[in-house]
Amino acid sequence: MKNRMKLISSIVLLLCWVVNPIWAQQVVPEVRQAVSFDLHETLQAESRTYLATETLTADNTIEADAQVVYEADKKVVMAVGFHAKGGSYFRASPRRSEAKQNLIESANQAAVAKSLVYPNPNQGQFSVRIASSAAPTQVAVYDLKGHLVWSQEVQQISEVAVDLRNQPKGIYLVKIVQGERLVTRKLIYE
């Protein structure tokens, strides 16, 4: 079975080279899998993919004519000493879409983080500017004991006016929740 797979890989590589020699250089037939890799050896004229379910760390050299792909579920680390020489094909990337999802979540969190409470400090009246979102937004104000003193759900409103003049002066926390995203701002009522 293993010999048959090598034969098929060789035939595919040969056919790819005949049809498109540049694409053929990017075919990496041998695959090695492990929880983690810590690569130090020099790779010479080899075609290999390393798939790690955790982390892949490399400080090795990839010689010319080597074709190497490093992929990991969590992270790929190119440590000091790593070098891919000219004429080699090399690619390092996360395997799953988790990294892409983390970037999207970071961008969404950044949008919520742009929410603004002003003026701060204030005399009991202030506004909360909300980053635009299709999701309903919950704005709530808590005293430092954790008691809810004001709350409102808003939809597609970019600004909310809040009046706390019936509350004692002090420090309050303004929580802005959009879907699963949460931002907390400190508010000073003088």
N, C-alpha and C. Protein backbone atom coordinates (compact mmCIF):
# COMPACT_ATOMS: atom_id res chain seq x y z
N MET A 1 0.83 -1.20 0.00
CA MET A 1 0.00 0.00 0.00
C MET A 1 0.87 1.26 0.00
N LYS A 2 1.94 1.24 0.83
CA LYS A 2 2.81 2.39 0.93
C LYS A 2 3.54 2.62 -0.39
N ASN A 3 4.00 1.53 -1.02
CA ASN A 3 4.69 1.63 -2.31
C ASN A 3 3.75 2.15 -3.39
N ARG A 4 2.49 1.71 -3.31
CA ARG A 4 1.50 2.15 -4.29
C ARG A 4 1.27 3.66 -4.16
N MET A 5 1.21 4.17 -2.91
CA MET A 5 1.02 5.60 -2.68
C MET A 5 2.22 6.40 -3.20
N LYS A 6 3.45 5.86 -3.00
CA LYS A 6 4.63 6.55 -3.51
C LYS A 6 4.61 6.58 -5.03
N LEU A 7 4.17 5.47 -5.64
CA LEU A 7 4.08 5.41 -7.10
C LEU A 7 3.07 6.42 -7.61
N ILE A 8 1.91 6.48 -6.97
CA ILE A 8 0.87 7.44 -7.38
C ILE A 8 1.39 8.86 -7.20
N SER A 9 2.05 9.15 -6.07
CA SER A 9 2.61 10.48 -5.84
C SER A 9 3.62 10.83 -6.91
N SER A 10 4.46 9.88 -7.29
CA SER A 10 5.48 10.12 -8.33
C SER A 10 4.83 10.40 -9.67
N ILE A 11 3.79 9.64 -10.00
CA ILE A 11 3.09 9.85 -11.27
C ILE A 11 2.43 11.22 -11.29
N VAL A 12 1.76 11.59 -10.19
CA VAL A 12 1.11 12.90 -10.10
C VAL A 12 2.14 14.00 -10.23
N LEU A 13 3.27 13.85 -9.54
CA LEU A 13 4.33 14.85 -9.61
C LEU A 13 4.85 14.98 -11.04
N LEU A 14 5.06 13.85 -11.71
CA LEU A 14 5.55 13.87 -13.09
C LEU A 14 4.53 14.52 -14.02
N LEU A 15 3.25 14.16 -13.88
CA LEU A 15 2.21 14.76 -14.71
C LEU A 15 2.10 16.25 -14.46
N CYS A 16 2.19 16.65 -13.21
CA CYS A 16 2.12 18.08 -12.88
C CYS A 16 3.29 18.82 -13.49
N TRP A 17 4.47 18.21 -13.46
CA TRP A 17 5.65 18.85 -14.02
C TRP A 17 5.52 19.02 -15.53
N VAL A 18 4.95 18.01 -16.19
CA VAL A 18 4.77 18.08 -17.64
C VAL A 18 3.77 19.17 -17.98
N VAL A 19 2.65 19.25 -17.23
CA VAL A 19 1.61 20.23 -17.51
C VAL A 19 2.05 21.62 -17.08
N ASN A 20 2.61 21.74 -15.88
CA ASN A 20 2.98 23.04 -15.34
C ASN A 20 4.17 22.86 -14.40
N PRO A 21 5.38 23.06 -14.84
CA PRO A 21 6.54 22.80 -14.01
C PRO A 21 6.61 23.67 -12.76
N ILE A 22 6.06 24.89 -12.78
CA ILE A 22 6.08 25.73 -11.59
C ILE A 22 5.17 25.15 -10.53
N TRP A 23 3.97 24.72 -10.91
CA TRP A 23 3.04 24.13 -9.95
C TRP A 23 3.62 22.84 -9.37
N ALA A 24 4.32 22.08 -10.19
CA ALA A 24 4.89 20.82 -9.74
C ALA A 24 5.89 21.05 -8.63
N GLN A 25 6.57 22.18 -8.62
CA GLN A 25 7.54 22.46 -7.57
C GLN A 25 6.86 22.66 -6.22
N GLN A 26 5.56 22.91 -6.22
CA GLN A 26 4.86 23.17 -4.98
C GLN A 26 4.16 21.92 -4.43
N VAL A 27 4.27 20.79 -5.09
CA VAL A 27 3.67 19.55 -4.62
C VAL A 27 4.57 18.97 -3.55
N VAL A 28 4.02 18.65 -2.40
CA VAL A 28 4.81 18.12 -1.29
C VAL A 28 4.21 16.78 -0.89
N PRO A 29 4.75 15.65 -1.41
CA PRO A 29 4.09 14.37 -1.22
C PRO A 29 4.23 13.73 0.16
N GLU A 30 5.39 13.82 0.84
CA GLU A 30 5.56 13.12 2.11
C GLU A 30 4.98 13.96 3.26
N VAL A 31 4.17 13.34 4.11
CA VAL A 31 3.54 14.04 5.21
C VAL A 31 3.94 13.39 6.53
N ARG A 32 4.38 14.20 7.48
CA ARG A 32 4.70 13.73 8.83
C ARG A 32 3.79 14.45 9.80
N GLN A 33 3.17 13.69 10.70
CA GLN A 33 2.23 14.27 11.66
C GLN A 33 2.68 13.96 13.08
N ALA A 34 2.45 14.92 13.98
CA ALA A 34 2.76 14.74 15.40
C ALA A 34 2.02 15.81 16.18
N VAL A 35 2.04 15.67 17.50
CA VAL A 35 1.43 16.69 18.35
C VAL A 35 2.23 17.98 18.21
N SER A 36 3.56 17.87 18.31
CA SER A 36 4.43 19.04 18.17
C SER A 36 5.70 18.62 17.44
N PHE A 37 6.33 19.58 16.77
CA PHE A 37 7.61 19.36 16.13
C PHE A 37 8.58 20.41 16.65
N ASP A 38 9.83 19.99 16.84
CA ASP A 38 10.92 20.89 17.16
C ASP A 38 12.02 20.55 16.16
N LEU A 39 12.07 21.28 15.06
CA LEU A 39 12.92 20.91 13.92
C LEU A 39 14.26 21.63 13.95
N HIS A 40 15.33 20.84 13.86
CA HIS A 40 16.68 21.38 13.87
C HIS A 40 17.49 20.92 12.66
N GLU A 41 17.10 19.82 12.02
CA GLU A 41 17.91 19.24 10.95
C GLU A 41 17.81 20.04 9.66
N THR A 42 18.86 19.97 8.86
CA THR A 42 18.89 20.59 7.54
C THR A 42 18.11 19.70 6.59
N LEU A 43 17.22 20.29 5.80
CA LEU A 43 16.43 19.54 4.83
C LEU A 43 17.01 19.78 3.44
N GLN A 44 17.44 18.70 2.78
CA GLN A 44 18.10 18.81 1.48
C GLN A 44 17.32 18.03 0.44
N ALA A 45 16.95 18.72 -0.63
CA ALA A 45 16.28 18.10 -1.78
C ALA A 45 15.19 17.12 -1.34
N GLU A 46 14.41 17.52 -0.36
CA GLU A 46 13.32 16.69 0.15
C GLU A 46 11.99 17.38 -0.13
N SER A 47 10.95 16.58 -0.21
CA SER A 47 9.59 17.10 -0.34
C SER A 47 8.82 16.60 0.86
N ARG A 48 8.47 17.50 1.77
CA ARG A 48 7.89 17.06 3.02
C ARG A 48 6.94 18.11 3.59
N THR A 49 5.86 17.62 4.20
CA THR A 49 4.94 18.47 4.94
C THR A 49 4.94 18.01 6.39
N TYR A 50 5.06 18.96 7.31
CA TYR A 50 4.99 18.67 8.74
C TYR A 50 3.67 19.24 9.25
N LEU A 51 2.83 18.39 9.82
CA LEU A 51 1.53 18.81 10.37
C LEU A 51 1.56 18.58 11.87
N ALA A 52 1.41 19.65 12.65
CA ALA A 52 1.41 19.54 14.11
C ALA A 52 0.03 19.91 14.65
N THR A 53 -0.45 19.14 15.60
CA THR A 53 -1.75 19.46 16.21
C THR A 53 -1.60 20.54 17.27
N GLU A 54 -0.39 20.82 17.70
CA GLU A 54 -0.15 21.89 18.66
C GLU A 54 0.75 22.96 18.05
N THR A 55 2.06 22.84 18.31
CA THR A 55 3.02 23.87 17.90
C THR A 55 4.13 23.26 17.07
N LEU A 56 4.59 24.01 16.09
CA LEU A 56 5.75 23.61 15.31
C LEU A 56 6.79 24.71 15.46
N THR A 57 7.99 24.35 15.93
CA THR A 57 9.09 25.29 16.09
C THR A 57 10.23 24.85 15.19
N ALA A 58 10.77 25.77 14.40
CA ALA A 58 11.84 25.42 13.47
C ALA A 58 12.99 26.41 13.57
N ASP A 59 14.21 25.89 13.71
CA ASP A 59 15.41 26.72 13.63
C ASP A 59 16.41 26.06 12.67
N ASN A 60 15.85 25.35 11.70
CA ASN A 60 16.66 24.59 10.76
C ASN A 60 16.91 25.35 9.47
N THR A 61 17.62 24.71 8.55
CA THR A 61 17.90 25.27 7.23
C THR A 61 17.21 24.42 6.18
N ILE A 62 16.61 25.07 5.20
CA ILE A 62 16.01 24.38 4.07
C ILE A 62 16.88 24.71 2.86
N GLU A 63 17.52 23.69 2.34
CA GLU A 63 18.43 23.86 1.22
C GLU A 63 17.67 24.07 -0.09
N ALA A 64 18.41 24.54 -1.11
CA ALA A 64 17.84 24.71 -2.45
C ALA A 64 17.30 23.36 -2.91
N ASP A 65 16.23 23.36 -3.68
CA ASP A 65 15.56 22.18 -4.22
C ASP A 65 14.72 21.43 -3.19
N ALA A 66 14.71 21.85 -1.94
CA ALA A 66 13.82 21.23 -0.95
C ALA A 66 12.46 21.89 -1.04
N GLN A 67 11.42 21.10 -0.80
CA GLN A 67 10.04 21.59 -0.82
C GLN A 67 9.42 21.25 0.53
N VAL A 68 9.17 22.27 1.35
CA VAL A 68 8.76 22.02 2.73
C VAL A 68 7.56 22.90 3.09
N VAL A 69 6.61 22.28 3.80
CA VAL A 69 5.44 23.00 4.31
C VAL A 69 5.36 22.71 5.80
N TYR A 70 5.26 23.77 6.61
CA TYR A 70 5.06 23.65 8.05
C TYR A 70 3.66 24.14 8.37
N GLU A 71 2.84 23.31 9.02
CA GLU A 71 1.50 23.72 9.42
C GLU A 71 1.25 23.23 10.84
N ALA A 72 0.54 24.04 11.61
CA ALA A 72 0.21 23.68 12.99
C ALA A 72 -1.15 24.27 13.35
N ASP A 73 -1.86 23.57 14.24
CA ASP A 73 -3.17 24.06 14.67
C ASP A 73 -3.05 25.32 15.51
N LYS A 74 -2.06 25.38 16.39
CA LYS A 74 -1.95 26.54 17.27
C LYS A 74 -1.00 27.59 16.75
N LYS A 75 0.28 27.23 16.54
CA LYS A 75 1.21 28.23 16.03
C LYS A 75 2.42 27.58 15.39
N VAL A 76 2.99 28.32 14.45
CA VAL A 76 4.24 27.94 13.80
C VAL A 76 5.26 29.00 14.19
N VAL A 77 6.38 28.57 14.78
CA VAL A 77 7.40 29.50 15.25
C VAL A 77 8.66 29.30 14.42
N MET A 78 9.08 30.37 13.75
CA MET A 78 10.35 30.34 13.03
C MET A 78 11.38 30.96 13.96
N ALA A 79 12.17 30.11 14.61
CA ALA A 79 13.11 30.56 15.63
C ALA A 79 14.39 31.10 15.01
N VAL A 80 15.20 31.75 15.84
CA VAL A 80 16.49 32.26 15.40
C VAL A 80 17.29 31.09 14.83
N GLY A 81 17.86 31.29 13.66
CA GLY A 81 18.63 30.24 13.01
C GLY A 81 17.90 29.62 11.84
N PHE A 82 16.58 29.85 11.72
CA PHE A 82 15.85 29.30 10.57
C PHE A 82 16.28 30.03 9.30
N HIS A 83 16.43 29.25 8.21
CA HIS A 83 16.83 29.84 6.93
C HIS A 83 16.33 28.97 5.79
N ALA A 84 15.61 29.56 4.85
CA ALA A 84 15.20 28.87 3.62
C ALA A 84 16.01 29.46 2.49
N LYS A 85 16.87 28.64 1.91
CA LYS A 85 17.78 29.13 0.86
C LYS A 85 17.05 29.32 -0.46
N GLY A 86 17.62 30.16 -1.30
CA GLY A 86 17.08 30.41 -2.62
C GLY A 86 16.97 29.12 -3.41
N GLY A 87 15.89 28.98 -4.15
CA GLY A 87 15.67 27.76 -4.92
C GLY A 87 14.85 26.74 -4.17
N SER A 88 14.55 27.03 -2.91
CA SER A 88 13.69 26.11 -2.14
C SER A 88 12.26 26.62 -2.20
N TYR A 89 11.31 25.70 -1.95
CA TYR A 89 9.91 26.09 -1.81
C TYR A 89 9.58 25.90 -0.34
N PHE A 90 9.05 26.95 0.30
CA PHE A 90 8.76 26.87 1.72
C PHE A 90 7.48 27.65 2.01
N ARG A 91 6.64 27.06 2.89
CA ARG A 91 5.41 27.74 3.34
C ARG A 91 5.15 27.33 4.78
N ALA A 92 4.79 28.30 5.61
CA ALA A 92 4.42 28.03 7.00
C ALA A 92 3.08 28.71 7.26
N SER A 93 2.13 27.98 7.86
CA SER A 93 0.82 28.56 8.08
C SER A 93 0.05 27.77 9.13
N PRO A 94 -0.97 28.40 9.73
CA PRO A 94 -1.88 27.66 10.60
C PRO A 94 -2.73 26.74 9.76
N ARG A 95 -3.07 25.56 10.28
CA ARG A 95 -3.84 24.57 9.52
C ARG A 95 -5.31 24.89 9.50
N ARG A 96 -5.83 25.31 10.60
CA ARG A 96 -7.28 25.48 10.71
C ARG A 96 -7.66 26.94 10.55
N SER A 97 -8.94 27.15 10.48
CA SER A 97 -9.43 28.51 10.34
C SER A 97 -9.51 29.22 11.69
N GLU A 98 -8.98 28.59 12.77
CA GLU A 98 -9.00 29.23 14.09
C GLU A 98 -8.29 30.57 14.06
N ALA A 99 -7.15 30.62 13.40
CA ALA A 99 -6.39 31.86 13.34
C ALA A 99 -7.21 32.94 12.65
N LYS A 100 -7.87 32.59 11.56
CA LYS A 100 -8.70 33.55 10.84
C LYS A 100 -9.86 34.00 11.73
N GLN A 101 -10.47 33.06 12.45
CA GLN A 101 -11.56 33.39 13.36
C GLN A 101 -11.08 34.32 14.46
N ASN A 102 -9.87 34.07 15.00
CA ASN A 102 -9.31 34.94 16.03
C ASN A 102 -9.11 36.36 15.50
N LEU A 103 -8.66 36.49 14.24
CA LEU A 103 -8.50 37.81 13.65
C LEU A 103 -9.83 38.53 13.52
N ILE A 104 -10.86 37.80 13.09
CA ILE A 104 -12.19 38.39 12.96
C ILE A 104 -12.71 38.83 14.32
N GLU A 105 -12.55 37.97 15.33
CA GLU A 105 -13.00 38.33 16.67
C GLU A 105 -12.25 39.53 17.21
N SER A 106 -10.94 39.61 16.93
CA SER A 106 -10.15 40.75 17.36
C SER A 106 -10.65 42.03 16.71
N ALA A 107 -10.97 41.96 15.43
CA ALA A 107 -11.49 43.13 14.72
C ALA A 107 -12.83 43.55 15.30
N ASN A 108 -13.71 42.58 15.59
CA ASN A 108 -15.00 42.90 16.18
C ASN A 108 -14.83 43.51 17.57
N GLN A 109 -13.90 42.95 18.35
CA GLN A 109 -13.64 43.47 19.69
C GLN A 109 -13.11 44.90 19.59
N ALA A 110 -12.27 45.16 18.60
CA ALA A 110 -11.73 46.50 18.40
C ALA A 110 -12.85 47.49 18.08
N ALA A 111 -13.84 47.05 17.29
CA ALA A 111 -14.97 47.93 16.96
C ALA A 111 -15.77 48.27 18.21
N VAL A 112 -16.02 47.27 19.07
CA VAL A 112 -16.74 47.53 20.31
C VAL A 112 -15.90 48.41 21.22
N ALA A 113 -14.58 48.18 21.21
CA ALA A 113 -13.69 48.96 22.06
C ALA A 113 -13.70 50.44 21.71
N LYS A 114 -14.14 50.79 20.51
CA LYS A 114 -14.22 52.18 20.10
C LYS A 114 -15.40 52.89 20.75
N SER A 115 -16.25 52.13 21.44
CA SER A 115 -17.37 52.76 22.14
C SER A 115 -16.80 53.75 23.15
N LEU A 116 -17.48 54.87 23.29
CA LEU A 116 -16.94 55.98 24.06
C LEU A 116 -17.96 56.46 25.08
N VAL A 117 -17.49 56.78 26.28
CA VAL A 117 -18.32 57.36 27.34
C VAL A 117 -17.79 58.78 27.56
N TYR A 118 -18.66 59.79 27.36
CA TYR A 118 -18.21 61.17 27.50
C TYR A 118 -19.36 62.06 27.96
N PRO A 119 -19.13 63.19 28.60
CA PRO A 119 -17.85 63.57 29.17
C PRO A 119 -17.53 62.70 30.38
N ASN A 120 -16.28 62.58 30.66
CA ASN A 120 -15.84 61.75 31.78
C ASN A 120 -14.58 62.39 32.34
N PRO A 121 -14.64 62.89 33.56
CA PRO A 121 -15.71 62.92 34.56
C PRO A 121 -16.88 63.82 34.11
N ASN A 122 -18.02 63.65 34.84
CA ASN A 122 -19.22 64.41 34.49
C ASN A 122 -20.02 64.77 35.74
N GLN A 123 -21.14 65.46 35.54
CA GLN A 123 -22.01 65.91 36.64
C GLN A 123 -23.24 65.02 36.78
N GLY A 124 -23.18 63.80 36.28
CA GLY A 124 -24.30 62.87 36.38
C GLY A 124 -25.00 62.62 35.06
N GLN A 125 -24.71 63.44 34.08
CA GLN A 125 -25.29 63.24 32.75
C GLN A 125 -24.14 63.02 31.77
N PHE A 126 -24.27 61.96 30.96
CA PHE A 126 -23.22 61.65 29.99
C PHE A 126 -23.83 60.88 28.82
N SER A 127 -23.04 60.69 27.80
CA SER A 127 -23.47 59.96 26.61
C SER A 127 -22.57 58.74 26.41
N VAL A 128 -23.14 57.73 25.81
CA VAL A 128 -22.39 56.54 25.42
C VAL A 128 -22.49 56.43 23.91
N ARG A 129 -21.35 56.58 23.24
CA ARG A 129 -21.32 56.41 21.78
C ARG A 129 -20.99 54.95 21.52
N ILE A 130 -21.83 54.32 20.70
CA ILE A 130 -21.74 52.88 20.46
C ILE A 130 -21.25 52.64 19.04
N ALA A 131 -20.26 51.76 18.91
CA ALA A 131 -19.80 51.36 17.58
C ALA A 131 -20.95 50.68 16.86
N SER A 132 -21.11 50.96 15.58
CA SER A 132 -22.24 50.41 14.85
C SER A 132 -22.15 48.89 14.77
N SER A 133 -23.32 48.26 14.87
CA SER A 133 -23.40 46.81 14.81
C SER A 133 -24.83 46.43 14.47
N ALA A 134 -24.96 45.31 13.75
CA ALA A 134 -26.30 44.81 13.45
C ALA A 134 -26.90 44.13 14.68
N ALA A 135 -26.05 43.71 15.60
CA ALA A 135 -26.52 43.01 16.80
C ALA A 135 -27.10 44.02 17.79
N PRO A 136 -28.11 43.62 18.55
CA PRO A 136 -28.62 44.50 19.61
C PRO A 136 -27.51 44.77 20.62
N THR A 137 -27.55 45.97 21.19
CA THR A 137 -26.51 46.38 22.14
C THR A 137 -27.16 46.67 23.48
N GLN A 138 -26.57 46.13 24.54
CA GLN A 138 -27.03 46.38 25.90
C GLN A 138 -26.04 47.33 26.57
N VAL A 139 -26.53 48.46 27.06
CA VAL A 139 -25.70 49.40 27.80
C VAL A 139 -26.20 49.37 29.24
N ALA A 140 -25.28 49.14 30.17
CA ALA A 140 -25.66 49.06 31.59
C ALA A 140 -24.64 49.80 32.42
N VAL A 141 -25.11 50.41 33.51
CA VAL A 141 -24.24 51.14 34.43
C VAL A 141 -24.37 50.49 35.81
N TYR A 142 -23.20 50.17 36.41
CA TYR A 142 -23.14 49.51 37.71
C TYR A 142 -22.36 50.38 38.68
N ASP A 143 -22.77 50.35 39.96
CA ASP A 143 -21.95 51.00 40.97
C ASP A 143 -20.82 50.04 41.35
N LEU A 144 -19.91 50.49 42.20
CA LEU A 144 -18.75 49.64 42.53
C LEU A 144 -19.11 48.45 43.42
N LYS A 145 -20.33 48.41 43.92
CA LYS A 145 -20.78 47.24 44.68
C LYS A 145 -21.37 46.19 43.75
N GLY A 146 -21.48 46.52 42.45
CA GLY A 146 -22.01 45.58 41.47
C GLY A 146 -23.50 45.69 41.25
N HIS A 147 -24.14 46.71 41.85
CA HIS A 147 -25.57 46.90 41.67
C HIS A 147 -25.85 47.60 40.34
N LEU A 148 -26.83 47.10 39.61
CA LEU A 148 -27.26 47.72 38.37
C LEU A 148 -28.04 48.99 38.70
N VAL A 149 -27.59 50.15 38.18
CA VAL A 149 -28.28 51.41 38.46
C VAL A 149 -28.98 51.98 37.23
N TRP A 150 -28.59 51.52 36.04
CA TRP A 150 -29.23 51.99 34.81
C TRP A 150 -28.95 50.99 33.70
N SER A 151 -29.94 50.75 32.83
CA SER A 151 -29.75 49.80 31.75
C SER A 151 -30.69 50.14 30.59
N GLN A 152 -30.23 49.90 29.38
CA GLN A 152 -31.07 50.10 28.22
C GLN A 152 -30.54 49.24 27.08
N GLU A 153 -31.47 48.59 26.36
CA GLU A 153 -31.09 47.87 25.15
C GLU A 153 -31.37 48.76 23.97
N VAL A 154 -30.38 48.86 23.09
CA VAL A 154 -30.52 49.73 21.92
C VAL A 154 -30.26 48.93 20.66
N GLN A 155 -30.92 49.34 19.58
CA GLN A 155 -30.70 48.71 18.28
C GLN A 155 -30.46 49.79 17.26
N GLN A 156 -29.34 49.70 16.58
CA GLN A 156 -28.96 50.61 15.51
C GLN A 156 -29.02 52.07 15.93
N ILE A 157 -28.72 52.32 17.18
CA ILE A 157 -28.59 53.69 17.67
C ILE A 157 -27.12 53.89 17.98
N SER A 158 -26.56 55.00 17.54
CA SER A 158 -25.13 55.19 17.72
C SER A 158 -24.78 55.91 19.02
N GLU A 159 -25.79 56.48 19.71
CA GLU A 159 -25.49 57.21 20.93
C GLU A 159 -26.68 57.15 21.89
N VAL A 160 -26.36 57.00 23.17
CA VAL A 160 -27.39 56.91 24.21
C VAL A 160 -27.08 57.93 25.29
N ALA A 161 -28.10 58.69 25.72
CA ALA A 161 -27.94 59.65 26.81
C ALA A 161 -28.29 58.96 28.13
N VAL A 162 -27.45 59.16 29.14
CA VAL A 162 -27.66 58.53 30.45
C VAL A 162 -27.69 59.63 31.51
N ASP A 163 -28.64 59.50 32.45
CA ASP A 163 -28.77 60.47 33.55
C ASP A 163 -28.68 59.71 34.87
N LEU A 164 -27.63 59.98 35.63
CA LEU A 164 -27.43 59.34 36.95
C LEU A 164 -27.56 60.35 38.09
N ARG A 165 -28.20 61.50 37.86
CA ARG A 165 -28.26 62.51 38.90
C ARG A 165 -29.03 62.06 40.13
N ASN A 166 -29.83 60.99 40.01
CA ASN A 166 -30.54 60.46 41.18
C ASN A 166 -29.68 59.45 41.96
N GLN A 167 -28.44 59.23 41.53
CA GLN A 167 -27.51 58.31 42.19
C GLN A 167 -26.44 59.12 42.94
N PRO A 168 -25.81 58.51 43.95
CA PRO A 168 -24.73 59.22 44.64
C PRO A 168 -23.51 59.42 43.74
N LYS A 169 -22.79 60.50 43.98
CA LYS A 169 -21.57 60.74 43.21
C LYS A 169 -20.57 59.64 43.53
N GLY A 170 -19.71 59.35 42.53
CA GLY A 170 -18.71 58.30 42.73
C GLY A 170 -18.26 57.71 41.41
N ILE A 171 -17.69 56.53 41.52
CA ILE A 171 -17.18 55.83 40.34
C ILE A 171 -18.18 54.75 39.94
N TYR A 172 -18.46 54.67 38.65
CA TYR A 172 -19.39 53.68 38.11
C TYR A 172 -18.71 52.94 36.95
N LEU A 173 -19.24 51.78 36.63
CA LEU A 173 -18.78 51.01 35.49
C LEU A 173 -19.86 50.96 34.43
N VAL A 174 -19.51 51.32 33.22
CA VAL A 174 -20.43 51.27 32.09
C VAL A 174 -20.06 50.04 31.27
N LYS A 175 -20.99 49.11 31.13
CA LYS A 175 -20.75 47.89 30.35
C LYS A 175 -21.55 47.96 29.06
N ILE A 176 -20.85 47.71 27.96
CA ILE A 176 -21.47 47.72 26.64
C ILE A 176 -21.33 46.31 26.08
N VAL A 177 -22.47 45.67 25.80
CA VAL A 177 -22.46 44.29 25.31
C VAL A 177 -23.12 44.25 23.94
N GLN A 178 -22.36 43.75 22.95
CA GLN A 178 -22.90 43.52 21.60
C GLN A 178 -22.67 42.06 21.28
N GLY A 179 -23.74 41.27 21.25
CA GLY A 179 -23.59 39.84 21.01
C GLY A 179 -22.75 39.22 22.11
N GLU A 180 -21.61 38.62 21.75
CA GLU A 180 -20.71 38.02 22.74
C GLU A 180 -19.58 38.95 23.12
N ARG A 181 -19.57 40.16 22.59
CA ARG A 181 -18.49 41.10 22.85
C ARG A 181 -18.88 42.02 24.00
N LEU A 182 -17.91 42.30 24.88
CA LEU A 182 -18.14 43.12 26.07
C LEU A 182 -17.02 44.12 26.23
N VAL A 183 -17.39 45.38 26.50
CA VAL A 183 -16.42 46.41 26.83
C VAL A 183 -16.91 47.08 28.11
N THR A 184 -15.97 47.32 29.02
CA THR A 184 -16.30 48.01 30.26
C THR A 184 -15.52 49.30 30.33
N ARG A 185 -16.19 50.39 30.68
CA ARG A 185 -15.55 51.70 30.83
C ARG A 185 -15.80 52.21 32.24
N LYS A 186 -14.77 52.84 32.81
CA LYS A 186 -14.91 53.47 34.13
C LYS A 186 -15.47 54.86 33.95
N LEU A 187 -16.41 55.25 34.80
CA LEU A 187 -17.07 56.56 34.72
C LEU A 187 -16.95 57.25 36.08
N ILE A 188 -16.62 58.52 36.05
CA ILE A 188 -16.52 59.30 37.30
C ILE A 188 -17.63 60.36 37.32
N TYR A 189 -18.50 60.23 38.32
CA TYR A 189 -19.60 61.18 38.52
C TYR A 189 -19.18 62.07 39.68
N GLU A 190 -18.92 63.37 39.39
CA GLU A 190 -18.44 64.31 40.41
C GLU A 190 -19.55 65.16 40.96
